[in-house]
Amino acid sequence: MTDFSLLSTSELADRIAILRDNIRQITEQAASQSGAADEDRNAERLARSNDELESLLKEQERRLRG
């Protein structure tokens, strides 16, 4: 697990925006592809991205509570 507390506030916000866009793109790709290998790969990418996004959002919330 990465220590997101080391990121600046703007880096944290940038990373959140990037991950949200990545999740959107993965979802669009999954909708246009077929096949078990594609589904497995997209599911793994989506799970990793969602896990990282959740961690980043928790760090952002921690900072907001100050």
C-alpha atoms as a PDB file:
ATOM      1  CA  MET A   1       0.000   0.000   0.000  1.00  0.00           C
ATOM      2  CA  THR A   2       1.223   3.446  -0.900  1.00  0.00           C
ATOM      3  CA  ASP A   3       1.491   6.155   1.753  1.00  0.00           C
ATOM      4  CA  PHE A   4      -0.733   8.829   0.257  1.00  0.00           C
ATOM      5  CA  SER A   5      -0.048  11.155   3.185  1.00  0.00           C
ATOM      6  CA  LEU A   6       3.201  12.034   1.392  1.00  0.00           C
ATOM      7  CA  LEU A   7       1.302  13.624  -1.504  1.00  0.00           C
ATOM      8  CA  SER A   8       0.582  17.337  -1.524  1.00  0.00           C
ATOM      9  CA  THR A   9      -3.078  18.343  -1.527  1.00  0.00           C
ATOM     10  CA  SER A  10      -2.936  19.220  -5.228  1.00  0.00           C
ATOM     11  CA  GLU A  11      -1.155  15.941  -6.059  1.00  0.00           C
ATOM     12  CA  LEU A  12      -3.838  14.076  -4.146  1.00  0.00           C
ATOM     13  CA  ALA A  13      -6.613  15.861  -6.058  1.00  0.00           C
ATOM     14  CA  ASP A  14      -4.840  15.217  -9.372  1.00  0.00           C
ATOM     15  CA  ARG A  15      -4.441  11.524  -8.604  1.00  0.00           C
ATOM     16  CA  ILE A  16      -8.135  11.248  -7.659  1.00  0.00           C
ATOM     17  CA  ALA A  17      -9.139  12.892 -10.962  1.00  0.00           C
ATOM     18  CA  ILE A  18      -6.827  10.605 -12.934  1.00  0.00           C
ATOM     19  CA  LEU A  19      -8.186   7.487 -11.249  1.00  0.00           C
ATOM     20  CA  ARG A  20     -11.794   8.534 -11.817  1.00  0.00           C
ATOM     21  CA  ASP A  21     -11.017   9.019 -15.506  1.00  0.00           C
ATOM     22  CA  ASN A  22      -9.204   5.662 -15.643  1.00  0.00           C
ATOM     23  CA  ILE A  23     -12.196   3.927 -14.053  1.00  0.00           C
ATOM     24  CA  ARG A  24     -14.510   5.564 -16.611  1.00  0.00           C
ATOM     25  CA  GLN A  25     -12.247   4.411 -19.457  1.00  0.00           C
ATOM     26  CA  ILE A  26     -11.975   0.851 -18.124  1.00  0.00           C
ATOM     27  CA  THR A  27     -15.763   0.698 -17.805  1.00  0.00           C
ATOM     28  CA  GLU A  28     -16.195   1.906 -21.395  1.00  0.00           C
ATOM     29  CA  GLN A  29     -13.629  -0.616 -22.639  1.00  0.00           C
ATOM     30  CA  ALA A  30     -15.330  -3.430 -20.761  1.00  0.00           C
ATOM     31  CA  ALA A  31     -18.653  -2.544 -22.368  1.00  0.00           C
ATOM     32  CA  SER A  32     -17.147  -2.724 -25.856  1.00  0.00           C
ATOM     33  CA  GLN A  33     -15.096  -5.899 -25.406  1.00  0.00           C
ATOM     34  CA  SER A  34     -16.083  -9.498 -25.100  1.00  0.00           C
ATOM     35  CA  GLY A  35     -14.278 -12.617 -24.010  1.00  0.00           C
ATOM     36  CA  ALA A  36     -13.280 -14.100 -20.693  1.00  0.00           C
ATOM     37  CA  ALA A  37      -9.676 -12.888 -20.841  1.00  0.00           C
ATOM     38  CA  ASP A  38     -10.773  -9.305 -21.506  1.00  0.00           C
ATOM     39  CA  GLU A  39     -13.345  -9.472 -18.726  1.00  0.00           C
ATOM     40  CA  ASP A  40     -10.809 -10.814 -16.237  1.00  0.00           C
ATOM     41  CA  ARG A  41      -8.227  -8.198 -17.174  1.00  0.00           C
ATOM     42  CA  ASN A  42     -10.727  -5.349 -16.970  1.00  0.00           C
ATOM     43  CA  ALA A  43     -12.127  -6.621 -13.680  1.00  0.00           C
ATOM     44  CA  GLU A  44      -8.613  -6.714 -12.187  1.00  0.00           C
ATOM     45  CA  ARG A  45      -7.777  -3.224 -13.467  1.00  0.00           C
ATOM     46  CA  LEU A  46     -11.071  -1.891 -12.162  1.00  0.00           C
ATOM     47  CA  ALA A  47     -10.564  -3.479  -8.742  1.00  0.00           C
ATOM     48  CA  ARG A  48      -7.041  -2.030  -8.410  1.00  0.00           C
ATOM     49  CA  SER A  49      -8.196   1.414  -9.498  1.00  0.00           C
ATOM     50  CA  ASN A  50     -11.170   1.368  -7.139  1.00  0.00           C
ATOM     51  CA  ASP A  51      -8.985   0.271  -4.225  1.00  0.00           C
ATOM     52  CA  GLU A  52      -6.514   3.075  -4.864  1.00  0.00           C
ATOM     53  CA  LEU A  53      -9.306   5.623  -5.309  1.00  0.00           C
ATOM     54  CA  GLU A  54     -10.859   4.550  -2.010  1.00  0.00           C
ATOM     55  CA  SER A  55      -7.535   5.002  -0.222  1.00  0.00           C
ATOM     56  CA  LEU A  56      -7.010   8.422  -1.785  1.00  0.00           C
ATOM     57  CA  LEU A  57     -10.504   9.548  -0.832  1.00  0.00           C
ATOM     58  CA  LYS A  58      -9.922   8.402   2.751  1.00  0.00           C
ATOM     59  CA  GLU A  59      -6.723  10.452   2.868  1.00  0.00           C
ATOM     60  CA  GLN A  60      -8.532  13.447   1.426  1.00  0.00           C
ATOM     61  CA  GLU A  61     -11.301  13.101   4.029  1.00  0.00           C
ATOM     62  CA  ARG A  62      -8.725  12.784   6.814  1.00  0.00           C
ATOM     63  CA  ARG A  63      -7.151  16.049   5.709  1.00  0.00           C
ATOM     64  CA  LEU A  64     -10.485  17.837   5.489  1.00  0.00           C
ATOM     65  CA  ARG A  65     -11.317  16.839   9.072  1.00  0.00           C
ATOM     66  CA  GLY A  66      -7.907  18.195   9.977  1.00  0.00           C
END
